[in-house]
Amino acid sequence: MNDIVKANDTLIHLGDVAMDLDGIKLLDKLVVKNKILIVGNYDIQFQTELSKYFKTITNDAKMTIGDIKCYLNHYPTNHKEKYFNIVGYVFMVLFT
């Protein structure tokens, strides 16, 4: 993963980081400093532990990529009209 993600990148994780504390500890191996978490259903119970790894923890986010308005969320059912919806059940987003 670190051959793709560099220290100065921003990584947006779209939820369900891990199912247990051992899985969360794998975040120690990522070199990227700026990590944003869009909370998934498995993350709710681990928010204290996850706050050590993520600069921002939020339920959703809106951003513009190029000229495309995007809505980032974990749950596909929480889509927004007139936005390109990016959801956690599909993939993570990496910006360099």
PDB file of N, CA and C in Angstrom:
ATOM      1  N   MET A   1       0.820  -1.201   0.000  1.00  0.00           N
ATOM      2  CA  MET A   1       0.000   0.000   0.000  1.00  0.00           C
ATOM      3  C   MET A   1       0.861   1.260   0.000  1.00  0.00           C
ATOM      4  N   ASN A   2       1.955   1.291   0.742  1.00  0.00           N
ATOM      5  CA  ASN A   2       2.784   2.486   0.815  1.00  0.00           C
ATOM      6  C   ASN A   2       3.516   2.789  -0.492  1.00  0.00           C
ATOM      7  N   ASP A   3       3.506   1.867  -1.440  1.00  0.00           N
ATOM      8  CA  ASP A   3       4.052   2.191  -2.748  1.00  0.00           C
ATOM      9  C   ASP A   3       3.055   3.016  -3.553  1.00  0.00           C
ATOM     10  N   ILE A   4       1.799   3.090  -3.091  1.00  0.00           N
ATOM     11  CA  ILE A   4       0.769   3.911  -3.734  1.00  0.00           C
ATOM     12  C   ILE A   4       0.516   5.177  -2.918  1.00  0.00           C
ATOM     13  N   VAL A   5       0.368   5.035  -1.612  1.00  0.00           N
ATOM     14  CA  VAL A   5       0.073   6.146  -0.712  1.00  0.00           C
ATOM     15  C   VAL A   5       1.375   6.707  -0.177  1.00  0.00           C
ATOM     16  N   LYS A   6       1.568   8.010  -0.346  1.00  0.00           N
ATOM     17  CA  LYS A   6       2.775   8.686   0.135  1.00  0.00           C
ATOM     18  C   LYS A   6       2.442   9.535   1.372  1.00  0.00           C
ATOM     19  N   ALA A   7       3.440   9.914   2.117  1.00  0.00           N
ATOM     20  CA  ALA A   7       3.256  10.621   3.390  1.00  0.00           C
ATOM     21  C   ALA A   7       2.440  11.908   3.253  1.00  0.00           C
ATOM     22  N   ASN A   8       2.606  12.646   2.155  1.00  0.00           N
ATOM     23  CA  ASN A   8       1.921  13.928   2.001  1.00  0.00           C
ATOM     24  C   ASN A   8       0.573  13.832   1.295  1.00  0.00           C
ATOM     25  N   ASP A   9       0.126  12.627   0.985  1.00  0.00           N
ATOM     26  CA  ASP A   9      -1.174  12.436   0.357  1.00  0.00           C
ATOM     27  C   ASP A   9      -2.295  12.616   1.375  1.00  0.00           C
ATOM     28  N   THR A  10      -3.524  12.670   0.876  1.00  0.00           N
ATOM     29  CA  THR A  10      -4.711  12.627   1.718  1.00  0.00           C
ATOM     30  C   THR A  10      -5.456  11.350   1.378  1.00  0.00           C
ATOM     31  N   LEU A  11      -5.738  10.546   2.393  1.00  0.00           N
ATOM     32  CA  LEU A  11      -6.484   9.313   2.205  1.00  0.00           C
ATOM     33  C   LEU A  11      -7.850   9.482   2.846  1.00  0.00           C
ATOM     34  N   ILE A  12      -8.883   9.236   2.069  1.00  0.00           N
ATOM     35  CA  ILE A  12     -10.247   9.264   2.595  1.00  0.00           C
ATOM     36  C   ILE A  12     -10.740   7.826   2.624  1.00  0.00           C
ATOM     37  N   HIS A  13     -10.979   7.321   3.826  1.00  0.00           N
ATOM     38  CA  HIS A  13     -11.463   5.950   3.994  1.00  0.00           C
ATOM     39  C   HIS A  13     -12.972   6.028   4.171  1.00  0.00           C
ATOM     40  N   LEU A  14     -13.699   5.279   3.365  1.00  0.00           N
ATOM     41  CA  LEU A  14     -15.155   5.364   3.359  1.00  0.00           C
ATOM     42  C   LEU A  14     -15.822   4.319   4.252  1.00  0.00           C
ATOM     43  N   GLY A  15     -15.214   4.069   5.385  1.00  0.00           N
ATOM     44  CA  GLY A  15     -15.862   3.303   6.438  1.00  0.00           C
ATOM     45  C   GLY A  15     -15.539   1.832   6.494  1.00  0.00           C
ATOM     46  N   ASP A  16     -15.834   1.261   7.655  1.00  0.00           N
ATOM     47  CA  ASP A  16     -15.535  -0.123   7.994  1.00  0.00           C
ATOM     48  C   ASP A  16     -14.034  -0.376   7.905  1.00  0.00           C
ATOM     49  N   VAL A  17     -13.286   0.350   8.704  1.00  0.00           N
ATOM     50  CA  VAL A  17     -11.830   0.231   8.741  1.00  0.00           C
ATOM     51  C   VAL A  17     -11.428  -1.184   9.128  1.00  0.00           C
ATOM     52  N   ALA A  18     -12.036  -1.714  10.182  1.00  0.00           N
ATOM     53  CA  ALA A  18     -11.682  -3.051  10.663  1.00  0.00           C
ATOM     54  C   ALA A  18     -12.817  -3.585  11.518  1.00  0.00           C
ATOM     55  N   MET A  19     -12.785  -4.887  11.707  1.00  0.00           N
ATOM     56  CA  MET A  19     -13.811  -5.519  12.540  1.00  0.00           C
ATOM     57  C   MET A  19     -13.341  -5.749  13.970  1.00  0.00           C
ATOM     58  N   ASP A  20     -12.045  -5.481  14.238  1.00  0.00           N
ATOM     59  CA  ASP A  20     -11.525  -5.654  15.590  1.00  0.00           C
ATOM     60  C   ASP A  20     -10.313  -4.745  15.791  1.00  0.00           C
ATOM     61  N   LEU A  21      -9.816  -4.684  17.022  1.00  0.00           N
ATOM     62  CA  LEU A  21      -8.703  -3.792  17.346  1.00  0.00           C
ATOM     63  C   LEU A  21      -7.412  -4.195  16.636  1.00  0.00           C
ATOM     64  N   ASP A  22      -7.205  -5.481  16.417  1.00  0.00           N
ATOM     65  CA  ASP A  22      -6.010  -5.910  15.685  1.00  0.00           C
ATOM     66  C   ASP A  22      -6.010  -5.362  14.266  1.00  0.00           C
ATOM     67  N   GLY A  23      -7.160  -5.330  13.646  1.00  0.00           N
ATOM     68  CA  GLY A  23      -7.267  -4.768  12.304  1.00  0.00           C
ATOM     69  C   GLY A  23      -6.977  -3.275  12.286  1.00  0.00           C
ATOM     70  N   ILE A  24      -7.431  -2.570  13.291  1.00  0.00           N
ATOM     71  CA  ILE A  24      -7.178  -1.129  13.382  1.00  0.00           C
ATOM     72  C   ILE A  24      -5.685  -0.850  13.502  1.00  0.00           C
ATOM     73  N   LYS A  25      -4.973  -1.690  14.222  1.00  0.00           N
ATOM     74  CA  LYS A  25      -3.529  -1.499  14.412  1.00  0.00           C
ATOM     75  C   LYS A  25      -2.746  -1.584  13.101  1.00  0.00           C
ATOM     76  N   LEU A  26      -3.342  -2.173  12.078  1.00  0.00           N
ATOM     77  CA  LEU A  26      -2.683  -2.218  10.767  1.00  0.00           C
ATOM     78  C   LEU A  26      -2.497  -0.816  10.186  1.00  0.00           C
ATOM     79  N   LEU A  27      -3.283   0.155  10.675  1.00  0.00           N
ATOM     80  CA  LEU A  27      -3.125   1.543  10.224  1.00  0.00           C
ATOM     81  C   LEU A  27      -1.746   2.097  10.564  1.00  0.00           C
ATOM     82  N   ASP A  28      -1.084   1.515  11.555  1.00  0.00           N
ATOM     83  CA  ASP A  28       0.276   1.939  11.914  1.00  0.00           C
ATOM     84  C   ASP A  28       1.234   1.791  10.735  1.00  0.00           C
ATOM     85  N   LYS A  29       0.929   0.893   9.825  1.00  0.00           N
ATOM     86  CA  LYS A  29       1.824   0.626   8.700  1.00  0.00           C
ATOM     87  C   LYS A  29       1.689   1.642   7.566  1.00  0.00           C
ATOM     88  N   LEU A  30       0.614   2.428   7.555  1.00  0.00           N
ATOM     89  CA  LEU A  30       0.421   3.418   6.496  1.00  0.00           C
ATOM     90  C   LEU A  30       1.275   4.657   6.748  1.00  0.00           C
ATOM     91  N   VAL A  31       1.988   5.114   5.740  1.00  0.00           N
ATOM     92  CA  VAL A  31       2.839   6.301   5.890  1.00  0.00           C
ATOM     93  C   VAL A  31       2.055   7.597   5.713  1.00  0.00           C
ATOM     94  N   VAL A  32       0.910   7.551   5.086  1.00  0.00           N
ATOM     95  CA  VAL A  32       0.134   8.769   4.827  1.00  0.00           C
ATOM     96  C   VAL A  32      -0.245   9.425   6.155  1.00  0.00           C
ATOM     97  N   LYS A  33      -0.038  10.737   6.231  1.00  0.00           N
ATOM     98  CA  LYS A  33      -0.278  11.471   7.480  1.00  0.00           C
ATOM     99  C   LYS A  33      -1.725  11.973   7.588  1.00  0.00           C
ATOM    100  N   ASN A  34      -2.284  12.469   6.489  1.00  0.00           N
ATOM    101  CA  ASN A  34      -3.615  13.066   6.518  1.00  0.00           C
ATOM    102  C   ASN A  34      -4.658  12.019   6.127  1.00  0.00           C
ATOM    103  N   LYS A  35      -5.294  11.440   7.139  1.00  0.00           N
ATOM    104  CA  LYS A  35      -6.315  10.427   6.921  1.00  0.00           C
ATOM    105  C   LYS A  35      -7.658  10.965   7.402  1.00  0.00           C
ATOM    106  N   ILE A  36      -8.675  10.789   6.554  1.00  0.00           N
ATOM    107  CA  ILE A  36     -10.039  11.210   6.870  1.00  0.00           C
ATOM    108  C   ILE A  36     -10.913   9.962   6.864  1.00  0.00           C
ATOM    109  N   LEU A  37     -11.736   9.809   7.892  1.00  0.00           N
ATOM    110  CA  LEU A  37     -12.634   8.670   7.971  1.00  0.00           C
ATOM    111  C   LEU A  37     -14.076   9.116   7.812  1.00  0.00           C
ATOM    112  N   ILE A  38     -14.752   8.533   6.824  1.00  0.00           N
ATOM    113  CA  ILE A  38     -16.204   8.634   6.705  1.00  0.00           C
ATOM    114  C   ILE A  38     -16.725   7.388   7.434  1.00  0.00           C
ATOM    115  N   VAL A  39     -17.402   7.568   8.536  1.00  0.00           N
ATOM    116  CA  VAL A  39     -17.734   6.478   9.456  1.00  0.00           C
ATOM    117  C   VAL A  39     -18.648   5.441   8.816  1.00  0.00           C
ATOM    118  N   GLY A  40     -18.265   4.183   8.998  1.00  0.00           N
ATOM    119  CA  GLY A  40     -19.091   3.049   8.593  1.00  0.00           C
ATOM    120  C   GLY A  40     -19.682   2.376   9.811  1.00  0.00           C
ATOM    121  N   ASN A  41     -20.551   1.420   9.591  1.00  0.00           N
ATOM    122  CA  ASN A  41     -21.247   0.781  10.705  1.00  0.00           C
ATOM    123  C   ASN A  41     -20.307   0.046  11.660  1.00  0.00           C
ATOM    124  N   TYR A  42     -19.207  -0.523  11.185  1.00  0.00           N
ATOM    125  CA  TYR A  42     -18.275  -1.212  12.078  1.00  0.00           C
ATOM    126  C   TYR A  42     -17.386  -0.236  12.859  1.00  0.00           C
ATOM    127  N   ASP A  43     -17.306   1.007  12.409  1.00  0.00           N
ATOM    128  CA  ASP A  43     -16.413   1.981  13.041  1.00  0.00           C
ATOM    129  C   ASP A  43     -16.990   2.601  14.303  1.00  0.00           C
ATOM    130  N   ILE A  44     -18.286   2.586  14.444  1.00  0.00           N
ATOM    131  CA  ILE A  44     -18.948   3.279  15.555  1.00  0.00           C
ATOM    132  C   ILE A  44     -18.405   2.811  16.904  1.00  0.00           C
ATOM    133  N   GLN A  45     -18.190   1.525  17.063  1.00  0.00           N
ATOM    134  CA  GLN A  45     -17.728   0.993  18.349  1.00  0.00           C
ATOM    135  C   GLN A  45     -16.256   1.289  18.634  1.00  0.00           C
ATOM    136  N   PHE A  46     -15.511   1.722  17.612  1.00  0.00           N
ATOM    137  CA  PHE A  46     -14.072   1.938  17.760  1.00  0.00           C
ATOM    138  C   PHE A  46     -13.657   3.401  17.589  1.00  0.00           C
ATOM    139  N   GLN A  47     -14.568   4.340  17.759  1.00  0.00           N
ATOM    140  CA  GLN A  47     -14.245   5.733  17.456  1.00  0.00           C
ATOM    141  C   GLN A  47     -13.100   6.267  18.303  1.00  0.00           C
ATOM    142  N   THR A  48     -12.978   5.853  19.557  1.00  0.00           N
ATOM    143  CA  THR A  48     -11.867   6.315  20.397  1.00  0.00           C
ATOM    144  C   THR A  48     -10.535   5.849  19.807  1.00  0.00           C
ATOM    145  N   GLU A  49     -10.440   4.577  19.451  1.00  0.00           N
ATOM    146  CA  GLU A  49      -9.212   4.038  18.879  1.00  0.00           C
ATOM    147  C   GLU A  49      -8.918   4.654  17.511  1.00  0.00           C
ATOM    148  N   LEU A  50      -9.956   4.824  16.692  1.00  0.00           N
ATOM    149  CA  LEU A  50      -9.771   5.365  15.343  1.00  0.00           C
ATOM    150  C   LEU A  50      -9.345   6.831  15.368  1.00  0.00           C
ATOM    151  N   SER A  51      -9.737   7.565  16.419  1.00  0.00           N
ATOM    152  CA  SER A  51      -9.363   8.981  16.501  1.00  0.00           C
ATOM    153  C   SER A  51      -7.851   9.168  16.625  1.00  0.00           C
ATOM    154  N   LYS A  52      -7.128   8.138  16.996  1.00  0.00           N
ATOM    155  CA  LYS A  52      -5.665   8.202  17.065  1.00  0.00           C
ATOM    156  C   LYS A  52      -5.035   8.180  15.674  1.00  0.00           C
ATOM    157  N   TYR A  53      -5.762   7.693  14.689  1.00  0.00           N
ATOM    158  CA  TYR A  53      -5.222   7.504  13.344  1.00  0.00           C
ATOM    159  C   TYR A  53      -5.759   8.501  12.315  1.00  0.00           C
ATOM    160  N   PHE A  54      -6.958   9.028  12.558  1.00  0.00           N
ATOM    161  CA  PHE A  54      -7.599   9.883  11.565  1.00  0.00           C
ATOM    162  C   PHE A  54      -7.645  11.330  12.032  1.00  0.00           C
ATOM    163  N   LYS A  55      -7.217  12.231  11.152  1.00  0.00           N
ATOM    164  CA  LYS A  55      -7.242  13.665  11.447  1.00  0.00           C
ATOM    165  C   LYS A  55      -8.684  14.152  11.565  1.00  0.00           C
ATOM    166  N   THR A  56      -9.557  13.617  10.722  1.00  0.00           N
ATOM    167  CA  THR A  56     -10.966  13.994  10.705  1.00  0.00           C
ATOM    168  C   THR A  56     -11.808  12.728  10.687  1.00  0.00           C
ATOM    169  N   ILE A  57     -12.868  12.708  11.498  1.00  0.00           N
ATOM    170  CA  ILE A  57     -13.852  11.629  11.480  1.00  0.00           C
ATOM    171  C   ILE A  57     -15.212  12.289  11.317  1.00  0.00           C
ATOM    172  N   THR A  58     -15.940  11.871  10.286  1.00  0.00           N
ATOM    173  CA  THR A  58     -17.219  12.492   9.968  1.00  0.00           C
ATOM    174  C   THR A  58     -18.169  11.463   9.370  1.00  0.00           C
ATOM    175  N   ASN A  59     -19.440  11.804   9.310  1.00  0.00           N
ATOM    176  CA  ASN A  59     -20.427  10.884   8.734  1.00  0.00           C
ATOM    177  C   ASN A  59     -20.486  10.942   7.217  1.00  0.00           C
ATOM    178  N   ASP A  60     -20.137  12.086   6.649  1.00  0.00           N
ATOM    179  CA  ASP A  60     -20.174  12.245   5.201  1.00  0.00           C
ATOM    180  C   ASP A  60     -19.372  13.478   4.813  1.00  0.00           C
ATOM    181  N   ALA A  61     -19.218  13.681   3.525  1.00  0.00           N
ATOM    182  CA  ALA A  61     -18.482  14.855   3.049  1.00  0.00           C
ATOM    183  C   ALA A  61     -18.925  15.185   1.629  1.00  0.00           C
ATOM    184  N   LYS A  62     -18.858  16.462   1.311  1.00  0.00           N
ATOM    185  CA  LYS A  62     -19.096  16.922  -0.057  1.00  0.00           C
ATOM    186  C   LYS A  62     -17.806  17.551  -0.546  1.00  0.00           C
ATOM    187  N   MET A  63     -17.461  17.281  -1.794  1.00  0.00           N
ATOM    188  CA  MET A  63     -16.265  17.876  -2.380  1.00  0.00           C
ATOM    189  C   MET A  63     -16.450  17.952  -3.883  1.00  0.00           C
ATOM    190  N   THR A  64     -15.631  18.773  -4.496  1.00  0.00           N
ATOM    191  CA  THR A  64     -15.642  18.880  -5.948  1.00  0.00           C
ATOM    192  C   THR A  64     -14.324  18.339  -6.469  1.00  0.00           C
ATOM    193  N   ILE A  65     -14.414  17.417  -7.408  1.00  0.00           N
ATOM    194  CA  ILE A  65     -13.244  16.845  -8.058  1.00  0.00           C
ATOM    195  C   ILE A  65     -13.308  17.285  -9.517  1.00  0.00           C
ATOM    196  N   GLY A  66     -12.361  18.139  -9.906  1.00  0.00           N
ATOM    197  CA  GLY A  66     -12.478  18.756 -11.228  1.00  0.00           C
ATOM    198  C   GLY A  66     -13.707  19.654 -11.205  1.00  0.00           C
ATOM    199  N   ASP A  67     -14.674  19.382 -12.061  1.00  0.00           N
ATOM    200  CA  ASP A  67     -15.928  20.141 -12.032  1.00  0.00           C
ATOM    201  C   ASP A  67     -17.115  19.254 -11.629  1.00  0.00           C
ATOM    202  N   ILE A  68     -16.812  18.130 -10.985  1.00  0.00           N
ATOM    203  CA  ILE A  68     -17.853  17.185 -10.591  1.00  0.00           C
ATOM    204  C   ILE A  68     -18.113  17.301  -9.086  1.00  0.00           C
ATOM    205  N   LYS A  69     -19.357  17.604  -8.731  1.00  0.00           N
ATOM    206  CA  LYS A  69     -19.749  17.659  -7.326  1.00  0.00           C
ATOM    207  C   LYS A  69     -19.922  16.224  -6.827  1.00  0.00           C
ATOM    208  N   CYS A  70     -19.217  15.893  -5.736  1.00  0.00           N
ATOM    209  CA  CYS A  70     -19.234  14.531  -5.204  1.00  0.00           C
ATOM    210  C   CYS A  70     -19.761  14.517  -3.774  1.00  0.00           C
ATOM    211  N   TYR A  71     -20.439  13.448  -3.462  1.00  0.00           N
ATOM    212  CA  TYR A  71     -20.912  13.195  -2.103  1.00  0.00           C
ATOM    213  C   TYR A  71     -20.296  11.884  -1.643  1.00  0.00           C
ATOM    214  N   LEU A  72     -19.554  11.933  -0.523  1.00  0.00           N
ATOM    215  CA  LEU A  72     -18.879  10.757   0.020  1.00  0.00           C
ATOM    216  C   LEU A  72     -19.617  10.297   1.272  1.00  0.00           C
ATOM    217  N   ASN A  73     -19.894   8.996   1.320  1.00  0.00           N
ATOM    218  CA  ASN A  73     -20.700   8.439   2.381  1.00  0.00           C
ATOM    219  C   ASN A  73     -20.407   6.946   2.449  1.00  0.00           C
ATOM    220  N   HIS A  74     -20.655   6.339   3.563  1.00  0.00           N
ATOM    221  CA  HIS A  74     -20.454   4.892   3.663  1.00  0.00           C
ATOM    222  C   HIS A  74     -21.622   4.108   3.066  1.00  0.00           C
ATOM    223  N   TYR A  75     -22.824   4.619   3.237  1.00  0.00           N
ATOM    224  CA  TYR A  75     -24.035   3.864   2.921  1.00  0.00           C
ATOM    225  C   TYR A  75     -24.620   4.245   1.553  1.00  0.00           C
ATOM    226  N   PRO A  76     -24.731   3.305   0.636  1.00  0.00           N
ATOM    227  CA  PRO A  76     -25.282   3.608  -0.700  1.00  0.00           C
ATOM    228  C   PRO A  76     -26.699   4.177  -0.656  1.00  0.00           C
ATOM    229  N   THR A  77     -27.469   3.835   0.360  1.00  0.00           N
ATOM    230  CA  THR A  77     -28.849   4.317   0.445  1.00  0.00           C
ATOM    231  C   THR A  77     -28.933   5.789   0.841  1.00  0.00           C
ATOM    232  N   ASN A  78     -27.833   6.385   1.291  1.00  0.00           N
ATOM    233  CA  ASN A  78     -27.825   7.799   1.693  1.00  0.00           C
ATOM    234  C   ASN A  78     -27.362   8.702   0.555  1.00  0.00           C
ATOM    235  N   HIS A  79     -27.658   8.346  -0.649  1.00  0.00           N
ATOM    236  CA  HIS A  79     -27.204   9.111  -1.816  1.00  0.00           C
ATOM    237  C   HIS A  79     -27.816  10.509  -1.848  1.00  0.00           C
ATOM    238  N   LYS A  80     -27.174  11.399  -2.587  1.00  0.00           N
ATOM    239  CA  LYS A  80     -27.656  12.766  -2.771  1.00  0.00           C
ATOM    240  C   LYS A  80     -27.946  12.992  -4.251  1.00  0.00           C
ATOM    241  N   GLU A  81     -29.099  13.562  -4.531  1.00  0.00           N
ATOM    242  CA  GLU A  81     -29.457  13.928  -5.905  1.00  0.00           C
ATOM    243  C   GLU A  81     -28.490  14.997  -6.410  1.00  0.00           C
ATOM    244  N   LYS A  82     -28.192  14.951  -7.679  1.00  0.00           N
ATOM    245  CA  LYS A  82     -27.349  15.929  -8.376  1.00  0.00           C
ATOM    246  C   LYS A  82     -25.882  15.887  -7.947  1.00  0.00           C
ATOM    247  N   TYR A  83     -25.484  14.814  -7.277  1.00  0.00           N
ATOM    248  CA  TYR A  83     -24.085  14.598  -6.907  1.00  0.00           C
ATOM    249  C   TYR A  83     -23.640  13.256  -7.470  1.00  0.00           C
ATOM    250  N   PHE A  84     -22.342  13.152  -7.742  1.00  0.00           N
ATOM    251  CA  PHE A  84     -21.754  11.847  -8.023  1.00  0.00           C
ATOM    252  C   PHE A  84     -21.509  11.228  -6.659  1.00  0.00           C
ATOM    253  N   ASN A  85     -22.175  10.130  -6.370  1.00  0.00           N
ATOM    254  CA  ASN A  85     -22.117   9.508  -5.053  1.00  0.00           C
ATOM    255  C   ASN A  85     -21.001   8.471  -5.004  1.00  0.00           C
ATOM    256  N   ILE A  86     -20.122   8.615  -4.023  1.00  0.00           N
ATOM    257  CA  ILE A  86     -19.025   7.674  -3.806  1.00  0.00           C
ATOM    258  C   ILE A  86     -19.263   7.067  -2.426  1.00  0.00           C
ATOM    259  N   VAL A  87     -19.427   5.739  -2.369  1.00  0.00           N
ATOM    260  CA  VAL A  87     -19.822   5.094  -1.117  1.00  0.00           C
ATOM    261  C   VAL A  87     -18.801   4.056  -0.665  1.00  0.00           C
ATOM    262  N   GLY A  88     -18.789   3.806   0.640  1.00  0.00           N
ATOM    263  CA  GLY A  88     -17.799   2.919   1.248  1.00  0.00           C
ATOM    264  C   GLY A  88     -17.922   1.465   0.888  1.00  0.00           C
ATOM    265  N   TYR A  89     -19.073   1.041   0.510  1.00  0.00           N
ATOM    266  CA  TYR A  89     -19.219  -0.351   0.133  1.00  0.00           C
ATOM    267  C   TYR A  89     -18.556  -0.638  -1.206  1.00  0.00           C
ATOM    268  N   VAL A  90     -18.030   0.414  -1.845  1.00  0.00           N
ATOM    269  CA  VAL A  90     -17.437   0.257  -3.176  1.00  0.00           C
ATOM    270  C   VAL A  90     -15.925   0.398  -3.155  1.00  0.00           C
ATOM    271  N   PHE A  91     -15.371   1.535  -2.669  1.00  0.00           N
ATOM    272  CA  PHE A  91     -13.931   1.745  -2.688  1.00  0.00           C
ATOM    273  C   PHE A  91     -13.504   2.921  -1.830  1.00  0.00           C
ATOM    274  N   MET A  92     -12.165   3.072  -1.677  1.00  0.00           N
ATOM    275  CA  MET A  92     -11.578   4.225  -1.002  1.00  0.00           C
ATOM    276  C   MET A  92     -11.148   5.243  -2.051  1.00  0.00           C
ATOM    277  N   VAL A  93     -10.998   6.482  -1.647  1.00  0.00           N
ATOM    278  CA  VAL A  93     -10.578   7.548  -2.547  1.00  0.00           C
ATOM    279  C   VAL A  93      -9.224   8.058  -2.088  1.00  0.00           C
ATOM    280  N   LEU A  94      -8.284   8.216  -3.015  1.00  0.00           N
ATOM    281  CA  LEU A  94      -6.953   8.694  -2.712  1.00  0.00           C
ATOM    282  C   LEU A  94      -6.665   9.915  -3.544  1.00  0.00           C
ATOM    283  N   PHE A  95      -6.198  10.991  -2.901  1.00  0.00           N
ATOM    284  CA  PHE A  95      -5.812  12.196  -3.610  1.00  0.00           C
ATOM    285  C   PHE A  95      -4.335  12.436  -3.406  1.00  0.00           C
ATOM    286  N   THR A  96      -3.609  12.669  -4.492  1.00  0.00           N
ATOM    287  CA  THR A  96      -2.176  12.968  -4.388  1.00  0.00           C
ATOM    288  C   THR A  96      -1.916  14.386  -4.856  1.00  0.00           C
TER     289      THR A  96
END
